[in-house]
Amino acid sequence: MAVTGLDHLQIAIPTGAEDAARGFYTGILGMREVAKPANLSPTGCWFESGSLRLHIGVDPDFRPATKAHPAFLVDDIAALEQALAEAGYPIVQDKPVAGYARFFTADPFGNRIEIMQRLRA
């Protein structure tokens, strides 16, 4: 028996913040929203991009995740960094990781997000 993959990642947002999540995850990051199954909570929203599936859940006791974070792979880190900066999102450089360009930002709720692009050898 072994873990064979990752089905999805879930992060939390405050109550009533789905529209702000849509603006960030679709408007800035370019993900697409997908319908949630009808038998699940009507709150929150789901997004996909390539093989990545991100579930956004509403937490009435929301506190932003400032250490734990998703790391999103992108194909044009410079363009995304510029779009995030122009939209007023923080750009935080960190220690280098071999084989990647990367930085951290935060979603509209203060959840830490890492943006990474694999470097060509």
C-alpha atoms as a PDB file:
ATOM      1  CA  MET A   1       0.000   0.000   0.000  1.00  0.00           C
ATOM      2  CA  ALA A   2       1.323   3.467  -0.920  1.00  0.00           C
ATOM      3  CA  VAL A   3       0.177   7.012  -1.596  1.00  0.00           C
ATOM      4  CA  THR A   4       0.002   7.295  -5.390  1.00  0.00           C
ATOM      5  CA  GLY A   5      -0.775  10.941  -6.028  1.00  0.00           C
ATOM      6  CA  LEU A   6      -2.562  14.070  -4.970  1.00  0.00           C
ATOM      7  CA  ASP A   7      -6.227  14.447  -5.846  1.00  0.00           C
ATOM      8  CA  HIS A   8      -6.701  18.046  -4.729  1.00  0.00           C
ATOM      9  CA  LEU A   9      -5.544  20.698  -2.321  1.00  0.00           C
ATOM     10  CA  GLN A  10      -7.942  22.620  -0.095  1.00  0.00           C
ATOM     11  CA  ILE A  11      -7.385  26.013   1.467  1.00  0.00           C
ATOM     12  CA  ALA A  12      -9.741  28.097   3.573  1.00  0.00           C
ATOM     13  CA  ILE A  13     -11.296  31.524   3.149  1.00  0.00           C
ATOM     14  CA  PRO A  14     -13.582  33.598   5.381  1.00  0.00           C
ATOM     15  CA  THR A  15     -17.364  33.388   5.150  1.00  0.00           C
ATOM     16  CA  GLY A  16     -18.790  35.205   2.140  1.00  0.00           C
ATOM     17  CA  ALA A  17     -15.470  35.684   0.355  1.00  0.00           C
ATOM     18  CA  GLU A  18     -16.038  33.467  -2.693  1.00  0.00           C
ATOM     19  CA  ASP A  19     -16.169  36.391  -5.148  1.00  0.00           C
ATOM     20  CA  ALA A  20     -12.793  37.679  -3.953  1.00  0.00           C
ATOM     21  CA  ALA A  21     -11.425  34.124  -4.329  1.00  0.00           C
ATOM     22  CA  ARG A  22     -12.774  33.970  -7.878  1.00  0.00           C
ATOM     23  CA  GLY A  23     -11.126  37.294  -8.705  1.00  0.00           C
ATOM     24  CA  PHE A  24      -7.744  36.067  -7.495  1.00  0.00           C
ATOM     25  CA  TYR A  25      -7.709  32.443  -8.631  1.00  0.00           C
ATOM     26  CA  THR A  26      -9.368  33.007 -12.018  1.00  0.00           C
ATOM     27  CA  GLY A  27      -8.649  36.684 -12.674  1.00  0.00           C
ATOM     28  CA  ILE A  28      -4.992  36.793 -11.604  1.00  0.00           C
ATOM     29  CA  LEU A  29      -3.770  33.174 -11.608  1.00  0.00           C
ATOM     30  CA  GLY A  30      -5.784  32.140 -14.678  1.00  0.00           C
ATOM     31  CA  MET A  31      -7.396  29.043 -13.191  1.00  0.00           C
ATOM     32  CA  ARG A  32     -10.904  28.064 -14.234  1.00  0.00           C
ATOM     33  CA  GLU A  33     -13.766  27.536 -11.830  1.00  0.00           C
ATOM     34  CA  VAL A  34     -15.487  24.154 -11.928  1.00  0.00           C
ATOM     35  CA  ALA A  35     -18.837  23.198 -10.466  1.00  0.00           C
ATOM     36  CA  LYS A  36     -18.931  21.558  -7.061  1.00  0.00           C
ATOM     37  CA  PRO A  37     -21.052  18.418  -6.658  1.00  0.00           C
ATOM     38  CA  ALA A  38     -24.599  19.346  -5.619  1.00  0.00           C
ATOM     39  CA  ASN A  39     -24.473  17.144  -2.512  1.00  0.00           C
ATOM     40  CA  LEU A  40     -21.603  19.189  -0.988  1.00  0.00           C
ATOM     41  CA  SER A  41     -21.813  22.465   0.905  1.00  0.00           C
ATOM     42  CA  PRO A  42     -23.055  25.316  -1.275  1.00  0.00           C
ATOM     43  CA  THR A  43     -20.302  27.562   0.092  1.00  0.00           C
ATOM     44  CA  GLY A  44     -16.779  27.697  -1.249  1.00  0.00           C
ATOM     45  CA  CYS A  45     -15.598  27.153  -4.812  1.00  0.00           C
ATOM     46  CA  TRP A  46     -13.383  24.832  -6.816  1.00  0.00           C
ATOM     47  CA  PHE A  47     -10.739  25.687  -9.415  1.00  0.00           C
ATOM     48  CA  GLU A  48      -8.617  23.730 -11.877  1.00  0.00           C
ATOM     49  CA  SER A  49      -5.624  24.368 -14.097  1.00  0.00           C
ATOM     50  CA  GLY A  50      -3.938  21.505 -15.910  1.00  0.00           C
ATOM     51  CA  SER A  51      -3.757  18.630 -13.426  1.00  0.00           C
ATOM     52  CA  LEU A  52      -4.057  20.973 -10.417  1.00  0.00           C
ATOM     53  CA  ARG A  53      -7.340  20.894  -8.510  1.00  0.00           C
ATOM     54  CA  LEU A  54      -7.827  23.498  -5.789  1.00  0.00           C
ATOM     55  CA  HIS A  55     -10.802  23.452  -3.437  1.00  0.00           C
ATOM     56  CA  ILE A  56     -11.633  26.621  -1.531  1.00  0.00           C
ATOM     57  CA  GLY A  57     -13.557  25.958   1.669  1.00  0.00           C
ATOM     58  CA  VAL A  58     -15.332  28.476   3.872  1.00  0.00           C
ATOM     59  CA  ASP A  59     -14.221  28.434   7.502  1.00  0.00           C
ATOM     60  CA  PRO A  60     -16.288  30.532   9.924  1.00  0.00           C
ATOM     61  CA  ASP A  61     -13.237  30.624  12.230  1.00  0.00           C
ATOM     62  CA  PHE A  62     -10.880  31.510   9.382  1.00  0.00           C
ATOM     63  CA  ARG A  63      -7.253  32.355  10.081  1.00  0.00           C
ATOM     64  CA  PRO A  64      -4.876  32.709   7.124  1.00  0.00           C
ATOM     65  CA  ALA A  65      -2.269  30.020   6.552  1.00  0.00           C
ATOM     66  CA  THR A  66       0.956  31.994   6.827  1.00  0.00           C
ATOM     67  CA  LYS A  67       3.416  29.082   6.785  1.00  0.00           C
ATOM     68  CA  ALA A  68       1.660  26.087   5.194  1.00  0.00           C
ATOM     69  CA  HIS A  69       1.050  26.860   1.521  1.00  0.00           C
ATOM     70  CA  PRO A  70       0.450  25.534  -1.968  1.00  0.00           C
ATOM     71  CA  ALA A  71       3.269  25.940  -4.474  1.00  0.00           C
ATOM     72  CA  PHE A  72       1.930  26.584  -7.959  1.00  0.00           C
ATOM     73  CA  LEU A  73       4.088  25.790 -10.995  1.00  0.00           C
ATOM     74  CA  VAL A  74       3.767  28.391 -13.746  1.00  0.00           C
ATOM     75  CA  ASP A  75       5.113  28.796 -17.268  1.00  0.00           C
ATOM     76  CA  ASP A  76       5.865  32.561 -17.139  1.00  0.00           C
ATOM     77  CA  ILE A  77       6.858  33.601 -13.637  1.00  0.00           C
ATOM     78  CA  ALA A  78       7.904  37.119 -14.690  1.00  0.00           C
ATOM     79  CA  ALA A  79       4.495  37.901 -16.221  1.00  0.00           C
ATOM     80  CA  LEU A  80       2.649  36.543 -13.190  1.00  0.00           C
ATOM     81  CA  GLU A  81       4.916  38.458 -10.795  1.00  0.00           C
ATOM     82  CA  GLN A  82       4.152  41.651 -12.713  1.00  0.00           C
ATOM     83  CA  ALA A  83       0.391  40.971 -12.745  1.00  0.00           C
ATOM     84  CA  LEU A  84       0.361  40.281  -9.004  1.00  0.00           C
ATOM     85  CA  ALA A  85       2.405  43.402  -8.226  1.00  0.00           C
ATOM     86  CA  GLU A  86       0.210  45.583 -10.434  1.00  0.00           C
ATOM     87  CA  ALA A  87      -2.870  44.221  -8.646  1.00  0.00           C
ATOM     88  CA  GLY A  88      -1.339  45.110  -5.273  1.00  0.00           C
ATOM     89  CA  TYR A  89      -0.402  41.633  -4.085  1.00  0.00           C
ATOM     90  CA  PRO A  90       2.868  41.210  -2.171  1.00  0.00           C
ATOM     91  CA  ILE A  91       5.947  39.790  -3.880  1.00  0.00           C
ATOM     92  CA  VAL A  92       8.316  38.209  -1.361  1.00  0.00           C
ATOM     93  CA  GLN A  93      11.631  36.778  -2.516  1.00  0.00           C
ATOM     94  CA  ASP A  94      13.106  33.905  -0.517  1.00  0.00           C
ATOM     95  CA  LYS A  95      16.149  31.670  -0.477  1.00  0.00           C
ATOM     96  CA  PRO A  96      16.876  30.088  -3.843  1.00  0.00           C
ATOM     97  CA  VAL A  97      15.909  26.516  -4.613  1.00  0.00           C
ATOM     98  CA  ALA A  98      18.053  24.766  -7.214  1.00  0.00           C
ATOM     99  CA  GLY A  99      16.304  24.382 -10.546  1.00  0.00           C
ATOM    100  CA  TYR A 100      13.536  26.935  -9.862  1.00  0.00           C
ATOM    101  CA  ALA A 101      12.734  30.612  -9.992  1.00  0.00           C
ATOM    102  CA  ARG A 102      10.264  31.365  -7.218  1.00  0.00           C
ATOM    103  CA  PHE A 103       8.634  33.906  -4.960  1.00  0.00           C
ATOM    104  CA  PHE A 104       5.844  34.059  -2.411  1.00  0.00           C
ATOM    105  CA  THR A 105       2.657  36.085  -2.489  1.00  0.00           C
ATOM    106  CA  ALA A 106      -0.626  35.990  -0.587  1.00  0.00           C
ATOM    107  CA  ASP A 107      -4.200  35.561  -1.749  1.00  0.00           C
ATOM    108  CA  PRO A 108      -6.775  38.235  -0.791  1.00  0.00           C
ATOM    109  CA  PHE A 109      -7.211  36.542   2.601  1.00  0.00           C
ATOM    110  CA  GLY A 110      -3.543  36.373   3.630  1.00  0.00           C
ATOM    111  CA  ASN A 111      -3.002  32.703   2.738  1.00  0.00           C
ATOM    112  CA  ARG A 112       0.632  32.171   1.715  1.00  0.00           C
ATOM    113  CA  ILE A 113       1.082  31.126  -1.933  1.00  0.00           C
ATOM    114  CA  GLU A 114       4.369  30.058  -3.530  1.00  0.00           C
ATOM    115  CA  ILE A 115       4.845  30.638  -7.243  1.00  0.00           C
ATOM    116  CA  MET A 116       7.508  28.511  -8.959  1.00  0.00           C
ATOM    117  CA  GLN A 117       8.854  27.991 -12.463  1.00  0.00           C
ATOM    118  CA  ARG A 118      11.235  25.198 -13.381  1.00  0.00           C
ATOM    119  CA  LEU A 119      14.429  26.516 -14.936  1.00  0.00           C
ATOM    120  CA  ARG A 120      15.780  24.937 -18.079  1.00  0.00           C
ATOM    121  CA  ALA A 121      19.209  23.327 -17.705  1.00  0.00           C
END
